Amino acid sequence: MVIAGGVAANKALRVRLQSVVAERGLTLVAPPLKLCTDNGAMIAWAGLERLRRGESHGLDSPCRPRWPLDEAA
């Protein structure tokens, strides 16, 4: 399970979600707390994770507000 943004900054929620995913044999993935309060930091972290996987894109990518999570959309 992945949490991010303001939700990931909630320490009590993190603890509870960690318990829930552990009961189901899953893993909770969340950025460090210091990156959870600023959207710019979250975007940079997501970019870093993509770069670590060898993914990159030019600066000509389209700008789309409310970009869907489904890549086929």
PDB file of N, CA and C in Angstrom:
ATOM      1  N   MET A   1       0.844  -1.156   0.000  1.00  0.00           N
ATOM      2  CA  MET A   1       0.000   0.000   0.000  1.00  0.00           C
ATOM      3  C   MET A   1       0.898   1.231   0.000  1.00  0.00           C
ATOM      4  N   VAL A   2       0.521   2.220  -0.788  1.00  0.00           N
ATOM      5  CA  VAL A   2       1.278   3.459  -0.873  1.00  0.00           C
ATOM      6  C   VAL A   2       0.429   4.604  -0.336  1.00  0.00           C
ATOM      7  N   ILE A   3       1.032   5.436   0.510  1.00  0.00           N
ATOM      8  CA  ILE A   3       0.381   6.663   0.967  1.00  0.00           C
ATOM      9  C   ILE A   3       1.325   7.816   0.684  1.00  0.00           C
ATOM     10  N   ALA A   4       0.762   8.979   0.444  1.00  0.00           N
ATOM     11  CA  ALA A   4       1.592  10.148   0.134  1.00  0.00           C
ATOM     12  C   ALA A   4       0.857  11.417   0.529  1.00  0.00           C
ATOM     13  N   GLY A   5       1.545  12.537   0.398  1.00  0.00           N
ATOM     14  CA  GLY A   5       0.944  13.834   0.671  1.00  0.00           C
ATOM     15  C   GLY A   5       0.598  14.021   2.132  1.00  0.00           C
ATOM     16  N   GLY A   6      -0.454  14.801   2.366  1.00  0.00           N
ATOM     17  CA  GLY A   6      -0.885  15.092   3.726  1.00  0.00           C
ATOM     18  C   GLY A   6      -1.276  13.849   4.502  1.00  0.00           C
ATOM     19  N   VAL A   7      -1.834  12.860   3.818  1.00  0.00           N
ATOM     20  CA  VAL A   7      -2.215  11.610   4.475  1.00  0.00           C
ATOM     21  C   VAL A   7      -0.981  10.943   5.069  1.00  0.00           C
ATOM     22  N   ALA A   8       0.110  10.936   4.318  1.00  0.00           N
ATOM     23  CA  ALA A   8       1.337  10.292   4.784  1.00  0.00           C
ATOM     24  C   ALA A   8       1.984  11.051   5.937  1.00  0.00           C
ATOM     25  N   ALA A   9       1.622  12.315   6.116  1.00  0.00           N
ATOM     26  CA  ALA A   9       2.182  13.115   7.210  1.00  0.00           C
ATOM     27  C   ALA A   9       1.508  12.823   8.547  1.00  0.00           C
ATOM     28  N   ASN A  10       0.379  12.139   8.520  1.00  0.00           N
ATOM     29  CA  ASN A  10      -0.367  11.837   9.734  1.00  0.00           C
ATOM     30  C   ASN A  10       0.260  10.621  10.418  1.00  0.00           C
ATOM     31  N   LYS A  11       0.979  10.864  11.521  1.00  0.00           N
ATOM     32  CA  LYS A  11       1.714   9.787  12.196  1.00  0.00           C
ATOM     33  C   LYS A  11       0.792   8.699  12.733  1.00  0.00           C
ATOM     34  N   ALA A  12      -0.340   9.084  13.295  1.00  0.00           N
ATOM     35  CA  ALA A  12      -1.279   8.086  13.829  1.00  0.00           C
ATOM     36  C   ALA A  12      -1.819   7.207  12.703  1.00  0.00           C
ATOM     37  N   LEU A  13      -2.116   7.817  11.585  1.00  0.00           N
ATOM     38  CA  LEU A  13      -2.616   7.048  10.443  1.00  0.00           C
ATOM     39  C   LEU A  13      -1.540   6.104   9.915  1.00  0.00           C
ATOM     40  N   ARG A  14      -0.310   6.564   9.882  1.00  0.00           N
ATOM     41  CA  ARG A  14       0.796   5.699   9.444  1.00  0.00           C
ATOM     42  C   ARG A  14       0.892   4.456  10.328  1.00  0.00           C
ATOM     43  N   VAL A  15       0.820   4.662  11.634  1.00  0.00           N
ATOM     44  CA  VAL A  15       0.925   3.540  12.576  1.00  0.00           C
ATOM     45  C   VAL A  15      -0.208   2.554  12.344  1.00  0.00           C
ATOM     46  N   ARG A  16      -1.415   3.067  12.208  1.00  0.00           N
ATOM     47  CA  ARG A  16      -2.578   2.186  12.010  1.00  0.00           C
ATOM     48  C   ARG A  16      -2.485   1.451  10.677  1.00  0.00           C
ATOM     49  N   LEU A  17      -2.124   2.163   9.619  1.00  0.00           N
ATOM     50  CA  LEU A  17      -1.995   1.515   8.313  1.00  0.00           C
ATOM     51  C   LEU A  17      -0.891   0.467   8.324  1.00  0.00           C
ATOM     52  N   GLN A  18       0.201   0.751   9.017  1.00  0.00           N
ATOM     53  CA  GLN A  18       1.288  -0.228   9.119  1.00  0.00           C
ATOM     54  C   GLN A  18       0.778  -1.518   9.738  1.00  0.00           C
ATOM     55  N   SER A  19      -0.039  -1.386  10.768  1.00  0.00           N
ATOM     56  CA  SER A  19      -0.615  -2.553  11.425  1.00  0.00           C
ATOM     57  C   SER A  19      -1.541  -3.322  10.478  1.00  0.00           C
ATOM     58  N   VAL A  20      -2.384  -2.598   9.767  1.00  0.00           N
ATOM     59  CA  VAL A  20      -3.348  -3.227   8.851  1.00  0.00           C
ATOM     60  C   VAL A  20      -2.628  -3.966   7.724  1.00  0.00           C
ATOM     61  N   VAL A  21      -1.644  -3.329   7.100  1.00  0.00           N
ATOM     62  CA  VAL A  21      -0.957  -3.987   5.986  1.00  0.00           C
ATOM     63  C   VAL A  21      -0.136  -5.180   6.473  1.00  0.00           C
ATOM     64  N   ALA A  22       0.446  -5.079   7.674  1.00  0.00           N
ATOM     65  CA  ALA A  22       1.219  -6.194   8.222  1.00  0.00           C
ATOM     66  C   ALA A  22       0.321  -7.403   8.449  1.00  0.00           C
ATOM     67  N   GLU A  23      -0.896  -7.173   8.935  1.00  0.00           N
ATOM     68  CA  GLU A  23      -1.853  -8.264   9.160  1.00  0.00           C
ATOM     69  C   GLU A  23      -2.187  -8.989   7.861  1.00  0.00           C
ATOM     70  N   ARG A  24      -2.091  -8.282   6.761  1.00  0.00           N
ATOM     71  CA  ARG A  24      -2.442  -8.853   5.461  1.00  0.00           C
ATOM     72  C   ARG A  24      -1.218  -9.286   4.649  1.00  0.00           C
ATOM     73  N   GLY A  25      -0.050  -9.204   5.268  1.00  0.00           N
ATOM     74  CA  GLY A  25       1.164  -9.619   4.592  1.00  0.00           C
ATOM     75  C   GLY A  25       1.626  -8.656   3.508  1.00  0.00           C
ATOM     76  N   LEU A  26       1.221  -7.400   3.627  1.00  0.00           N
ATOM     77  CA  LEU A  26       1.590  -6.386   2.646  1.00  0.00           C
ATOM     78  C   LEU A  26       2.658  -5.467   3.218  1.00  0.00           C
ATOM     79  N   THR A  27       3.089  -4.522   2.406  1.00  0.00           N
ATOM     80  CA  THR A  27       4.088  -3.548   2.824  1.00  0.00           C
ATOM     81  C   THR A  27       3.511  -2.153   2.664  1.00  0.00           C
ATOM     82  N   LEU A  28       3.773  -1.294   3.622  1.00  0.00           N
ATOM     83  CA  LEU A  28       3.374   0.108   3.529  1.00  0.00           C
ATOM     84  C   LEU A  28       4.549   0.900   2.985  1.00  0.00           C
ATOM     85  N   VAL A  29       4.307   1.652   1.933  1.00  0.00           N
ATOM     86  CA  VAL A  29       5.344   2.493   1.331  1.00  0.00           C
ATOM     87  C   VAL A  29       4.918   3.944   1.499  1.00  0.00           C
ATOM     88  N   ALA A  30       5.783   4.730   2.140  1.00  0.00           N
ATOM     89  CA  ALA A  30       5.493   6.141   2.379  1.00  0.00           C
ATOM     90  C   ALA A  30       6.802   6.916   2.346  1.00  0.00           C
ATOM     91  N   PRO A  31       6.754   8.122   1.837  1.00  0.00           N
ATOM     92  CA  PRO A  31       7.968   8.943   1.843  1.00  0.00           C
ATOM     93  C   PRO A  31       8.314   9.376   3.255  1.00  0.00           C
ATOM     94  N   PRO A  32       9.544   9.825   3.468  1.00  0.00           N
ATOM     95  CA  PRO A  32       9.916  10.341   4.777  1.00  0.00           C
ATOM     96  C   PRO A  32       8.997  11.500   5.178  1.00  0.00           C
ATOM     97  N   LEU A  33       8.717  11.617   6.471  1.00  0.00           N
ATOM     98  CA  LEU A  33       7.813  12.661   6.957  1.00  0.00           C
ATOM     99  C   LEU A  33       8.226  14.054   6.497  1.00  0.00           C
ATOM    100  N   LYS A  34       9.523  14.313   6.434  1.00  0.00           N
ATOM    101  CA  LYS A  34       9.976  15.647   6.042  1.00  0.00           C
ATOM    102  C   LYS A  34       9.583  16.011   4.611  1.00  0.00           C
ATOM    103  N   LEU A  35       9.168  15.023   3.816  1.00  0.00           N
ATOM    104  CA  LEU A  35       8.759  15.288   2.438  1.00  0.00           C
ATOM    105  C   LEU A  35       7.242  15.299   2.253  1.00  0.00           C
ATOM    106  N   CYS A  36       6.493  15.141   3.326  1.00  0.00           N
ATOM    107  CA  CYS A  36       5.042  14.973   3.210  1.00  0.00           C
ATOM    108  C   CYS A  36       4.234  16.252   3.333  1.00  0.00           C
ATOM    109  N   THR A  37       4.852  17.370   3.605  1.00  0.00           N
ATOM    110  CA  THR A  37       4.069  18.576   3.842  1.00  0.00           C
ATOM    111  C   THR A  37       4.072  19.529   2.659  1.00  0.00           C
ATOM    112  N   ASP A  38       4.894  19.294   1.673  1.00  0.00           N
ATOM    113  CA  ASP A  38       5.012  20.214   0.554  1.00  0.00           C
ATOM    114  C   ASP A  38       4.828  19.455  -0.751  1.00  0.00           C
ATOM    115  N   ASN A  39       3.876  19.879  -1.569  1.00  0.00           N
ATOM    116  CA  ASN A  39       3.628  19.175  -2.821  1.00  0.00           C
ATOM    117  C   ASN A  39       4.848  19.170  -3.730  1.00  0.00           C
ATOM    118  N   GLY A  40       5.617  20.248  -3.728  1.00  0.00           N
ATOM    119  CA  GLY A  40       6.829  20.298  -4.546  1.00  0.00           C
ATOM    120  C   GLY A  40       7.813  19.209  -4.140  1.00  0.00           C
ATOM    121  N   ALA A  41       7.946  18.998  -2.839  1.00  0.00           N
ATOM    122  CA  ALA A  41       8.842  17.948  -2.352  1.00  0.00           C
ATOM    123  C   ALA A  41       8.316  16.574  -2.744  1.00  0.00           C
ATOM    124  N   MET A  42       7.003  16.393  -2.683  1.00  0.00           N
ATOM    125  CA  MET A  42       6.409  15.111  -3.069  1.00  0.00           C
ATOM    126  C   MET A  42       6.644  14.836  -4.550  1.00  0.00           C
ATOM    127  N   ILE A  43       6.477  15.844  -5.376  1.00  0.00           N
ATOM    128  CA  ILE A  43       6.698  15.674  -6.812  1.00  0.00           C
ATOM    129  C   ILE A  43       8.166  15.332  -7.076  1.00  0.00           C
ATOM    130  N   ALA A  44       9.070  16.014  -6.383  1.00  0.00           N
ATOM    131  CA  ALA A  44      10.500  15.738  -6.546  1.00  0.00           C
ATOM    132  C   ALA A  44      10.820  14.313  -6.109  1.00  0.00           C
ATOM    133  N   TRP A  45      10.219  13.850  -5.002  1.00  0.00           N
ATOM    134  CA  TRP A  45      10.461  12.491  -4.532  1.00  0.00           C
ATOM    135  C   TRP A  45       9.957  11.472  -5.545  1.00  0.00           C
ATOM    136  N   ALA A  46       8.774  11.703  -6.086  1.00  0.00           N
ATOM    137  CA  ALA A  46       8.235  10.789  -7.103  1.00  0.00           C
ATOM    138  C   ALA A  46       9.163  10.759  -8.319  1.00  0.00           C
ATOM    139  N   GLY A  47       9.684  11.918  -8.710  1.00  0.00           N
ATOM    140  CA  GLY A  47      10.618  11.981  -9.826  1.00  0.00           C
ATOM    141  C   GLY A  47      11.901  11.219  -9.532  1.00  0.00           C
ATOM    142  N   LEU A  48      12.397  11.339  -8.307  1.00  0.00           N
ATOM    143  CA  LEU A  48      13.607  10.617  -7.911  1.00  0.00           C
ATOM    144  C   LEU A  48      13.391   9.111  -7.984  1.00  0.00           C
ATOM    145  N   GLU A  49      12.231   8.653  -7.521  1.00  0.00           N
ATOM    146  CA  GLU A  49      11.933   7.222  -7.577  1.00  0.00           C
ATOM    147  C   GLU A  49      11.891   6.733  -9.023  1.00  0.00           C
ATOM    148  N   ARG A  50      11.315   7.525  -9.904  1.00  0.00           N
ATOM    149  CA  ARG A  50      11.277   7.144 -11.326  1.00  0.00           C
ATOM    150  C   ARG A  50      12.681   7.124 -11.907  1.00  0.00           C
ATOM    151  N   LEU A  51      13.489   8.111 -11.562  1.00  0.00           N
ATOM    152  CA  LEU A  51      14.861   8.176 -12.051  1.00  0.00           C
ATOM    153  C   LEU A  51      15.651   6.956 -11.577  1.00  0.00           C
ATOM    154  N   ARG A  52      15.437   6.548 -10.338  1.00  0.00           N
ATOM    155  CA  ARG A  52      16.114   5.357  -9.804  1.00  0.00           C
ATOM    156  C   ARG A  52      15.750   4.102 -10.582  1.00  0.00           C
ATOM    157  N   ARG A  53      14.548   4.078 -11.151  1.00  0.00           N
ATOM    158  CA  ARG A  53      14.118   2.936 -11.966  1.00  0.00           C
ATOM    159  C   ARG A  53      14.589   3.061 -13.409  1.00  0.00           C
ATOM    160  N   GLY A  54      15.331   4.113 -13.710  1.00  0.00           N
ATOM    161  CA  GLY A  54      15.836   4.296 -15.057  1.00  0.00           C
ATOM    162  C   GLY A  54      14.865   4.996 -15.989  1.00  0.00           C
ATOM    163  N   GLU A  55      13.794   5.551 -15.454  1.00  0.00           N
ATOM    164  CA  GLU A  55      12.813   6.257 -16.278  1.00  0.00           C
ATOM    165  C   GLU A  55      13.166   7.736 -16.363  1.00  0.00           C
ATOM    166  N   SER A  56      13.007   8.309 -17.520  1.00  0.00           N
ATOM    167  CA  SER A  56      13.188   9.751 -17.677  1.00  0.00           C
ATOM    168  C   SER A  56      12.369  10.227 -18.867  1.00  0.00           C
ATOM    169  N   HIS A  57      12.056  11.487 -18.865  1.00  0.00           N
ATOM    170  CA  HIS A  57      11.275  12.100 -19.933  1.00  0.00           C
ATOM    171  C   HIS A  57      11.851  13.476 -20.218  1.00  0.00           C
ATOM    172  N   GLY A  58      11.671  13.924 -21.440  1.00  0.00           N
ATOM    173  CA  GLY A  58      12.122  15.257 -21.800  1.00  0.00           C
ATOM    174  C   GLY A  58      11.234  16.322 -21.184  1.00  0.00           C
ATOM    175  N   LEU A  59      11.595  17.545 -21.395  1.00  0.00           N
ATOM    176  CA  LEU A  59      10.816  18.650 -20.840  1.00  0.00           C
ATOM    177  C   LEU A  59       9.594  18.976 -21.691  1.00  0.00           C
ATOM    178  N   ASP A  60       9.327  18.170 -22.696  1.00  0.00           N
ATOM    179  CA  ASP A  60       8.189  18.423 -23.575  1.00  0.00           C
ATOM    180  C   ASP A  60       6.948  17.618 -23.182  1.00  0.00           C
ATOM    181  N   SER A  61       6.950  17.024 -21.996  1.00  0.00           N
ATOM    182  CA  SER A  61       5.780  16.279 -21.531  1.00  0.00           C
ATOM    183  C   SER A  61       4.594  17.222 -21.388  1.00  0.00           C
ATOM    184  N   PRO A  62       3.390  16.756 -21.717  1.00  0.00           N
ATOM    185  CA  PRO A  62       2.225  17.630 -21.600  1.00  0.00           C
ATOM    186  C   PRO A  62       1.888  17.936 -20.142  1.00  0.00           C
ATOM    187  N   CYS A  63       1.355  19.092 -19.911  1.00  0.00           N
ATOM    188  CA  CYS A  63       0.906  19.482 -18.576  1.00  0.00           C
ATOM    189  C   CYS A  63      -0.577  19.153 -18.483  1.00  0.00           C
ATOM    190  N   ARG A  64      -0.948  18.298 -17.534  1.00  0.00           N
ATOM    191  CA  ARG A  64      -2.348  17.892 -17.391  1.00  0.00           C
ATOM    192  C   ARG A  64      -2.757  17.982 -15.934  1.00  0.00           C
ATOM    193  N   PRO A  65      -3.614  18.942 -15.583  1.00  0.00           N
ATOM    194  CA  PRO A  65      -4.120  18.974 -14.209  1.00  0.00           C
ATOM    195  C   PRO A  65      -4.969  17.735 -13.949  1.00  0.00           C
ATOM    196  N   ARG A  66      -4.927  17.258 -12.737  1.00  0.00           N
ATOM    197  CA  ARG A  66      -5.689  16.058 -12.347  1.00  0.00           C
ATOM    198  C   ARG A  66      -5.338  14.868 -13.234  1.00  0.00           C
ATOM    199  N   TRP A  67      -4.064  14.642 -13.411  1.00  0.00           N
ATOM    200  CA  TRP A  67      -3.574  13.545 -14.229  1.00  0.00           C
ATOM    201  C   TRP A  67      -4.115  12.240 -13.659  1.00  0.00           C
ATOM    202  N   PRO A  68      -4.750  11.396 -14.479  1.00  0.00           N
ATOM    203  CA  PRO A  68      -5.333  10.146 -13.963  1.00  0.00           C
ATOM    204  C   PRO A  68      -4.252   9.163 -13.539  1.00  0.00           C
ATOM    205  N   LEU A  69      -4.555   8.313 -12.563  1.00  0.00           N
ATOM    206  CA  LEU A  69      -3.621   7.301 -12.110  1.00  0.00           C
ATOM    207  C   LEU A  69      -3.539   6.144 -13.101  1.00  0.00           C
ATOM    208  N   ASP A  70      -4.592   5.951 -13.878  1.00  0.00           N
ATOM    209  CA  ASP A  70      -4.637   4.874 -14.857  1.00  0.00           C
ATOM    210  C   ASP A  70      -3.917   5.333 -16.127  1.00  0.00           C
ATOM    211  N   GLU A  71      -2.803   4.682 -16.470  1.00  0.00           N
ATOM    212  CA  GLU A  71      -2.018   5.100 -17.616  1.00  0.00           C
ATOM    213  C   GLU A  71      -2.774   4.957 -18.929  1.00  0.00           C
ATOM    214  N   ALA A  72      -3.815   4.121 -18.954  1.00  0.00           N
ATOM    215  CA  ALA A  72      -4.592   3.950 -20.179  1.00  0.00           C
ATOM    216  C   ALA A  72      -5.617   5.067 -20.377  1.00  0.00           C
ATOM    217  N   ALA A  73      -5.838   5.881 -19.335  1.00  0.00           N
ATOM    218  CA  ALA A  73      -6.860   6.932 -19.410  1.00  0.00           C
ATOM    219  C   ALA A  73      -6.409   8.068 -20.305  1.00  0.00           C
TER     220      ALA A  73
END
